[in-house]
Amino acid sequence: MSRAEETELDFSYAEEDRKSKKRSKKEKTKMNVFDFLEPIVAALLVITVLFTLFFRVVNVSGPSMMPTLNDGDKIIISATGYEPERGDIVVLSGAAGISETIVKRIVAVGGDKVDINFTTGIVTVNGVEEEYTDVLTVQQFDIAFPITVPEGTVFVLGDNREKSLDSRSTEIGCIDERYIVGKVVYRVFPLGEGKVE
């Protein structure tokens, strides 16, 4: 092989080598972008599934749960496998007399005896004074107390007793457990407010 042929071959190999390095850089860049985007897409999919099947974000409307929850708060509710318990804050929807989604606190469950002394403002459940709010319950609607909560239903009150339409009224009454959308577990807005109790 002559020197001219060797030199020609050297240049062609060098050119191929340069093209190969360029392709390799482009492929690495593509792989880096994909490596970066892959966990983000996976996280978004997981969040979508969680918030579709297990959790929901709900907007609080009105003053009935103040000071615990305020008008405009955004809350997360747990939507599956929920068993009603006294003290839980829940979202209710679809019950008779409720045309919109509402947020209330469960004060009593099926079989509990609820009494409200509207003179002293004290609510008792099974003879024990409830302690979910410092606000006295003096506003009376059209239900006579004491009552026994029917099985499969819950007795709910707003924490702001003066501004809440709740189980004290026949318009709402005791709520069938089937109308509980879920339990409030966390406040996402305003930021930093966190867990709801």
C-alpha atoms as a PDB file:
ATOM      1  CA  MET A   1       0.000   0.000   0.000  1.00  0.00           C
ATOM      2  CA  SER A   2       1.383   3.428  -0.936  1.00  0.00           C
ATOM      3  CA  ARG A   3       1.690   6.398   1.443  1.00  0.00           C
ATOM      4  CA  ALA A   4      -1.040   8.273  -0.450  1.00  0.00           C
ATOM      5  CA  GLU A   5      -3.479   5.398   0.057  1.00  0.00           C
ATOM      6  CA  GLU A   6      -2.551   5.191   3.776  1.00  0.00           C
ATOM      7  CA  THR A   7      -3.101   8.929   4.230  1.00  0.00           C
ATOM      8  CA  GLU A   8      -6.448   8.736   2.423  1.00  0.00           C
ATOM      9  CA  LEU A   9      -7.522   5.875   4.677  1.00  0.00           C
ATOM     10  CA  ASP A  10      -6.381   7.763   7.800  1.00  0.00           C
ATOM     11  CA  PHE A  11      -8.515  10.770   6.851  1.00  0.00           C
ATOM     12  CA  SER A  12     -11.572   8.652   6.166  1.00  0.00           C
ATOM     13  CA  TYR A  13     -11.198   6.881   9.533  1.00  0.00           C
ATOM     14  CA  ALA A  14     -10.730  10.232  11.302  1.00  0.00           C
ATOM     15  CA  GLU A  15     -13.850  11.607   9.594  1.00  0.00           C
ATOM     16  CA  GLU A  16     -15.855   8.512  10.602  1.00  0.00           C
ATOM     17  CA  ASP A  17     -14.530   8.820  14.152  1.00  0.00           C
ATOM     18  CA  ARG A  18     -15.637  12.496  14.350  1.00  0.00           C
ATOM     19  CA  LYS A  19     -19.130  11.643  13.041  1.00  0.00           C
ATOM     20  CA  SER A  20     -19.374   8.776  15.501  1.00  0.00           C
ATOM     21  CA  LYS A  21     -18.432  11.069  18.424  1.00  0.00           C
ATOM     22  CA  LYS A  22     -21.050  13.637  17.305  1.00  0.00           C
ATOM     23  CA  ARG A  23     -23.726  10.921  17.139  1.00  0.00           C
ATOM     24  CA  SER A  24     -22.645   9.636  20.531  1.00  0.00           C
ATOM     25  CA  LYS A  25     -22.953  13.138  22.077  1.00  0.00           C
ATOM     26  CA  LYS A  26     -26.440  13.595  20.592  1.00  0.00           C
ATOM     27  CA  GLU A  27     -27.527  10.178  21.845  1.00  0.00           C
ATOM     28  CA  LYS A  28     -26.146  10.949  25.324  1.00  0.00           C
ATOM     29  CA  THR A  29     -28.023  14.263  25.366  1.00  0.00           C
ATOM     30  CA  LYS A  30     -31.239  12.486  24.352  1.00  0.00           C
ATOM     31  CA  MET A  31     -30.672   9.843  27.022  1.00  0.00           C
ATOM     32  CA  ASN A  32     -29.941  12.511  29.673  1.00  0.00           C
ATOM     33  CA  VAL A  33     -33.190  14.319  28.850  1.00  0.00           C
ATOM     34  CA  PHE A  34     -35.091  11.025  28.942  1.00  0.00           C
ATOM     35  CA  ASP A  35     -33.404  10.039  32.223  1.00  0.00           C
ATOM     36  CA  PHE A  36     -34.452  13.415  33.651  1.00  0.00           C
ATOM     37  CA  LEU A  37     -38.062  13.259  32.405  1.00  0.00           C
ATOM     38  CA  GLU A  38     -38.750   9.620  33.250  1.00  0.00           C
ATOM     39  CA  PRO A  39     -39.068  10.042  37.061  1.00  0.00           C
ATOM     40  CA  ILE A  40     -41.136  13.220  36.619  1.00  0.00           C
ATOM     41  CA  VAL A  41     -43.629  11.453  34.344  1.00  0.00           C
ATOM     42  CA  ALA A  42     -43.753   8.458  36.719  1.00  0.00           C
ATOM     43  CA  ALA A  43     -44.390  10.753  39.709  1.00  0.00           C
ATOM     44  CA  LEU A  44     -47.181  12.566  37.856  1.00  0.00           C
ATOM     45  CA  LEU A  45     -48.824   9.245  36.990  1.00  0.00           C
ATOM     46  CA  VAL A  46     -48.649   8.070  40.622  1.00  0.00           C
ATOM     47  CA  ILE A  47     -50.095  11.371  41.874  1.00  0.00           C
ATOM     48  CA  THR A  48     -52.906  11.188  39.311  1.00  0.00           C
ATOM     49  CA  VAL A  49     -53.818   7.637  40.363  1.00  0.00           C
ATOM     50  CA  LEU A  50     -53.675   8.536  44.084  1.00  0.00           C
ATOM     51  CA  PHE A  51     -55.878  11.594  43.677  1.00  0.00           C
ATOM     52  CA  THR A  52     -58.314   9.767  41.416  1.00  0.00           C
ATOM     53  CA  LEU A  53     -58.788   6.664  43.548  1.00  0.00           C
ATOM     54  CA  PHE A  54     -57.809   7.516  47.127  1.00  0.00           C
ATOM     55  CA  PHE A  55     -57.739  11.268  47.739  1.00  0.00           C
ATOM     56  CA  ARG A  56     -59.612  14.327  46.516  1.00  0.00           C
ATOM     57  CA  VAL A  57     -59.030  18.036  46.828  1.00  0.00           C
ATOM     58  CA  VAL A  58     -62.071  20.014  47.979  1.00  0.00           C
ATOM     59  CA  ASN A  59     -62.605  23.750  48.388  1.00  0.00           C
ATOM     60  CA  VAL A  60     -64.189  24.939  51.664  1.00  0.00           C
ATOM     61  CA  SER A  61     -67.064  27.316  51.037  1.00  0.00           C
ATOM     62  CA  GLY A  62     -68.602  29.424  53.805  1.00  0.00           C
ATOM     63  CA  PRO A  63     -67.919  30.118  57.482  1.00  0.00           C
ATOM     64  CA  SER A  64     -69.617  27.099  59.115  1.00  0.00           C
ATOM     65  CA  MET A  65     -66.369  25.355  60.131  1.00  0.00           C
ATOM     66  CA  MET A  66     -64.465  28.398  61.407  1.00  0.00           C
ATOM     67  CA  PRO A  67     -62.022  28.606  63.115  1.00  0.00           C
ATOM     68  CA  THR A  68     -60.979  25.058  62.199  1.00  0.00           C
ATOM     69  CA  LEU A  69     -61.459  25.630  58.454  1.00  0.00           C
ATOM     70  CA  ASN A  70     -61.955  28.940  56.709  1.00  0.00           C
ATOM     71  CA  ASP A  71     -63.793  29.977  53.569  1.00  0.00           C
ATOM     72  CA  GLY A  72     -61.487  29.316  50.600  1.00  0.00           C
ATOM     73  CA  ASP A  73     -59.288  26.694  52.288  1.00  0.00           C
ATOM     74  CA  LYS A  74     -58.304  23.797  50.044  1.00  0.00           C
ATOM     75  CA  ILE A  75     -58.410  20.445  51.806  1.00  0.00           C
ATOM     76  CA  ILE A  76     -57.506  16.865  50.945  1.00  0.00           C
ATOM     77  CA  ILE A  77     -59.997  14.177  51.843  1.00  0.00           C
ATOM     78  CA  SER A  78     -59.410  10.449  52.122  1.00  0.00           C
ATOM     79  CA  ALA A  79     -62.065   8.898  49.926  1.00  0.00           C
ATOM     80  CA  THR A  80     -61.793   5.123  50.397  1.00  0.00           C
ATOM     81  CA  GLY A  81     -62.356   2.659  53.216  1.00  0.00           C
ATOM     82  CA  TYR A  82     -63.646   5.253  55.660  1.00  0.00           C
ATOM     83  CA  GLU A  83     -65.561   4.312  58.828  1.00  0.00           C
ATOM     84  CA  PRO A  84     -67.273   7.295  60.518  1.00  0.00           C
ATOM     85  CA  GLU A  85     -65.956   8.237  63.968  1.00  0.00           C
ATOM     86  CA  ARG A  86     -66.895  10.954  66.435  1.00  0.00           C
ATOM     87  CA  GLY A  87     -64.770  14.062  65.966  1.00  0.00           C
ATOM     88  CA  ASP A  88     -63.941  13.473  62.296  1.00  0.00           C
ATOM     89  CA  ILE A  89     -64.392  16.351  59.881  1.00  0.00           C
ATOM     90  CA  VAL A  90     -66.072  15.021  56.746  1.00  0.00           C
ATOM     91  CA  VAL A  91     -67.265  16.138  53.332  1.00  0.00           C
ATOM     92  CA  LEU A  92     -70.911  15.312  52.585  1.00  0.00           C
ATOM     93  CA  SER A  93     -72.670  15.293  49.245  1.00  0.00           C
ATOM     94  CA  GLY A  94     -75.974  14.178  47.750  1.00  0.00           C
ATOM     95  CA  ALA A  95     -78.028  13.874  50.964  1.00  0.00           C
ATOM     96  CA  ALA A  96     -81.606  15.114  51.090  1.00  0.00           C
ATOM     97  CA  GLY A  97     -81.643  18.852  51.724  1.00  0.00           C
ATOM     98  CA  ILE A  98     -78.024  19.278  50.592  1.00  0.00           C
ATOM     99  CA  SER A  99     -77.738  20.716  47.109  1.00  0.00           C
ATOM    100  CA  GLU A 100     -73.978  21.253  47.346  1.00  0.00           C
ATOM    101  CA  THR A 101     -70.968  19.603  48.922  1.00  0.00           C
ATOM    102  CA  ILE A 102     -70.623  20.617  52.589  1.00  0.00           C
ATOM    103  CA  VAL A 103     -67.985  20.166  55.300  1.00  0.00           C
ATOM    104  CA  LYS A 104     -69.087  19.310  58.867  1.00  0.00           C
ATOM    105  CA  ARG A 105     -67.835  17.552  62.002  1.00  0.00           C
ATOM    106  CA  ILE A 106     -69.293  14.204  63.118  1.00  0.00           C
ATOM    107  CA  VAL A 107     -70.452  14.679  66.695  1.00  0.00           C
ATOM    108  CA  ALA A 108     -72.328  11.378  67.060  1.00  0.00           C
ATOM    109  CA  VAL A 109     -72.694   8.086  65.202  1.00  0.00           C
ATOM    110  CA  GLY A 110     -75.513   5.534  64.985  1.00  0.00           C
ATOM    111  CA  GLY A 111     -76.906   4.562  68.402  1.00  0.00           C
ATOM    112  CA  ASP A 112     -75.512   7.637  70.220  1.00  0.00           C
ATOM    113  CA  LYS A 113     -77.821   9.849  72.281  1.00  0.00           C
ATOM    114  CA  VAL A 114     -77.368  13.558  71.554  1.00  0.00           C
ATOM    115  CA  ASP A 115     -78.698  16.297  73.809  1.00  0.00           C
ATOM    116  CA  ILE A 116     -78.330  20.047  73.382  1.00  0.00           C
ATOM    117  CA  ASN A 117     -79.170  22.469  76.166  1.00  0.00           C
ATOM    118  CA  PHE A 118     -79.751  25.673  74.210  1.00  0.00           C
ATOM    119  CA  THR A 119     -79.835  27.732  77.418  1.00  0.00           C
ATOM    120  CA  THR A 120     -76.329  26.747  78.530  1.00  0.00           C
ATOM    121  CA  GLY A 121     -75.087  26.028  74.985  1.00  0.00           C
ATOM    122  CA  ILE A 122     -73.758  22.596  75.995  1.00  0.00           C
ATOM    123  CA  VAL A 123     -73.875  19.588  73.639  1.00  0.00           C
ATOM    124  CA  THR A 124     -73.641  16.135  75.217  1.00  0.00           C
ATOM    125  CA  VAL A 125     -73.210  12.776  73.514  1.00  0.00           C
ATOM    126  CA  ASN A 126     -74.097   9.763  75.652  1.00  0.00           C
ATOM    127  CA  GLY A 127     -74.009  12.084  78.679  1.00  0.00           C
ATOM    128  CA  VAL A 128     -70.475  13.390  77.953  1.00  0.00           C
ATOM    129  CA  GLU A 129     -69.911  17.025  76.964  1.00  0.00           C
ATOM    130  CA  GLU A 130     -68.422  17.362  73.471  1.00  0.00           C
ATOM    131  CA  GLU A 131     -65.186  19.331  73.236  1.00  0.00           C
ATOM    132  CA  TYR A 132     -64.748  20.072  69.544  1.00  0.00           C
ATOM    133  CA  THR A 133     -65.322  23.815  69.864  1.00  0.00           C
ATOM    134  CA  ASP A 134     -65.334  26.534  72.497  1.00  0.00           C
ATOM    135  CA  VAL A 135     -68.365  28.143  70.847  1.00  0.00           C
ATOM    136  CA  LEU A 136     -71.605  27.616  72.752  1.00  0.00           C
ATOM    137  CA  THR A 137     -74.476  26.008  70.869  1.00  0.00           C
ATOM    138  CA  VAL A 138     -77.370  28.367  71.554  1.00  0.00           C
ATOM    139  CA  GLN A 139     -79.042  28.541  68.144  1.00  0.00           C
ATOM    140  CA  GLN A 140     -81.979  26.166  67.963  1.00  0.00           C
ATOM    141  CA  PHE A 141     -83.621  24.934  64.787  1.00  0.00           C
ATOM    142  CA  ASP A 142     -86.655  22.641  64.505  1.00  0.00           C
ATOM    143  CA  ILE A 143     -85.401  19.342  65.999  1.00  0.00           C
ATOM    144  CA  ALA A 144     -86.321  18.611  69.626  1.00  0.00           C
ATOM    145  CA  PHE A 145     -83.602  17.149  71.823  1.00  0.00           C
ATOM    146  CA  PRO A 146     -82.516  14.680  73.120  1.00  0.00           C
ATOM    147  CA  ILE A 147     -82.421  12.382  70.080  1.00  0.00           C
ATOM    148  CA  THR A 148     -80.933   8.974  69.389  1.00  0.00           C
ATOM    149  CA  VAL A 149     -78.974   8.871  66.136  1.00  0.00           C
ATOM    150  CA  PRO A 150     -80.384   6.137  63.855  1.00  0.00           C
ATOM    151  CA  GLU A 151     -78.006   3.312  62.903  1.00  0.00           C
ATOM    152  CA  GLY A 152     -76.210   3.924  59.612  1.00  0.00           C
ATOM    153  CA  THR A 153     -76.378   7.706  60.041  1.00  0.00           C
ATOM    154  CA  VAL A 154     -74.257  10.419  61.647  1.00  0.00           C
ATOM    155  CA  PHE A 155     -75.131  13.596  63.537  1.00  0.00           C
ATOM    156  CA  VAL A 156     -73.049  16.525  62.259  1.00  0.00           C
ATOM    157  CA  LEU A 157     -72.436  20.074  63.454  1.00  0.00           C
ATOM    158  CA  GLY A 158     -70.344  22.927  62.119  1.00  0.00           C
ATOM    159  CA  ASP A 159     -67.651  24.194  64.482  1.00  0.00           C
ATOM    160  CA  ASN A 160     -69.048  27.721  64.040  1.00  0.00           C
ATOM    161  CA  ARG A 161     -72.410  26.881  65.614  1.00  0.00           C
ATOM    162  CA  GLU A 162     -73.971  30.314  64.994  1.00  0.00           C
ATOM    163  CA  LYS A 163     -73.301  30.157  61.234  1.00  0.00           C
ATOM    164  CA  SER A 164     -73.943  26.490  60.499  1.00  0.00           C
ATOM    165  CA  LEU A 165     -76.959  24.725  59.052  1.00  0.00           C
ATOM    166  CA  ASP A 166     -76.483  21.159  60.286  1.00  0.00           C
ATOM    167  CA  SER A 167     -78.167  18.198  62.021  1.00  0.00           C
ATOM    168  CA  ARG A 168     -80.032  20.543  64.391  1.00  0.00           C
ATOM    169  CA  SER A 169     -82.350  21.238  61.450  1.00  0.00           C
ATOM    170  CA  THR A 170     -84.740  18.842  59.709  1.00  0.00           C
ATOM    171  CA  GLU A 171     -83.443  20.378  56.475  1.00  0.00           C
ATOM    172  CA  ILE A 172     -80.189  18.435  57.084  1.00  0.00           C
ATOM    173  CA  GLY A 173     -81.001  16.033  59.939  1.00  0.00           C
ATOM    174  CA  CYS A 174     -78.957  12.911  60.578  1.00  0.00           C
ATOM    175  CA  ILE A 175     -76.940  12.083  57.470  1.00  0.00           C
ATOM    176  CA  ASP A 176     -76.870   8.623  55.934  1.00  0.00           C
ATOM    177  CA  GLU A 177     -73.268   7.350  55.971  1.00  0.00           C
ATOM    178  CA  ARG A 178     -73.498   6.693  52.217  1.00  0.00           C
ATOM    179  CA  TYR A 179     -73.390  10.450  51.631  1.00  0.00           C
ATOM    180  CA  ILE A 180     -69.996  10.847  53.303  1.00  0.00           C
ATOM    181  CA  VAL A 181     -67.556  11.525  50.478  1.00  0.00           C
ATOM    182  CA  GLY A 182     -64.513  11.244  52.749  1.00  0.00           C
ATOM    183  CA  LYS A 183     -62.658  12.385  55.842  1.00  0.00           C
ATOM    184  CA  VAL A 184     -60.670  15.627  55.819  1.00  0.00           C
ATOM    185  CA  VAL A 185     -57.020  14.745  56.403  1.00  0.00           C
ATOM    186  CA  TYR A 186     -54.959  17.743  55.335  1.00  0.00           C
ATOM    187  CA  ARG A 187     -55.181  21.401  54.380  1.00  0.00           C
ATOM    188  CA  VAL A 188     -53.049  22.286  51.331  1.00  0.00           C
ATOM    189  CA  PHE A 189     -54.022  25.950  51.141  1.00  0.00           C
ATOM    190  CA  PRO A 190     -53.186  28.282  52.764  1.00  0.00           C
ATOM    191  CA  LEU A 191     -49.663  26.859  52.693  1.00  0.00           C
ATOM    192  CA  GLY A 192     -48.210  25.741  55.993  1.00  0.00           C
ATOM    193  CA  GLU A 193     -51.557  25.056  57.684  1.00  0.00           C
ATOM    194  CA  GLY A 194     -51.187  21.262  57.408  1.00  0.00           C
ATOM    195  CA  LYS A 195     -53.092  18.622  59.342  1.00  0.00           C
ATOM    196  CA  VAL A 196     -56.730  19.238  60.226  1.00  0.00           C
ATOM    197  CA  GLU A 197     -58.190  18.074  63.550  1.00  0.00           C
END
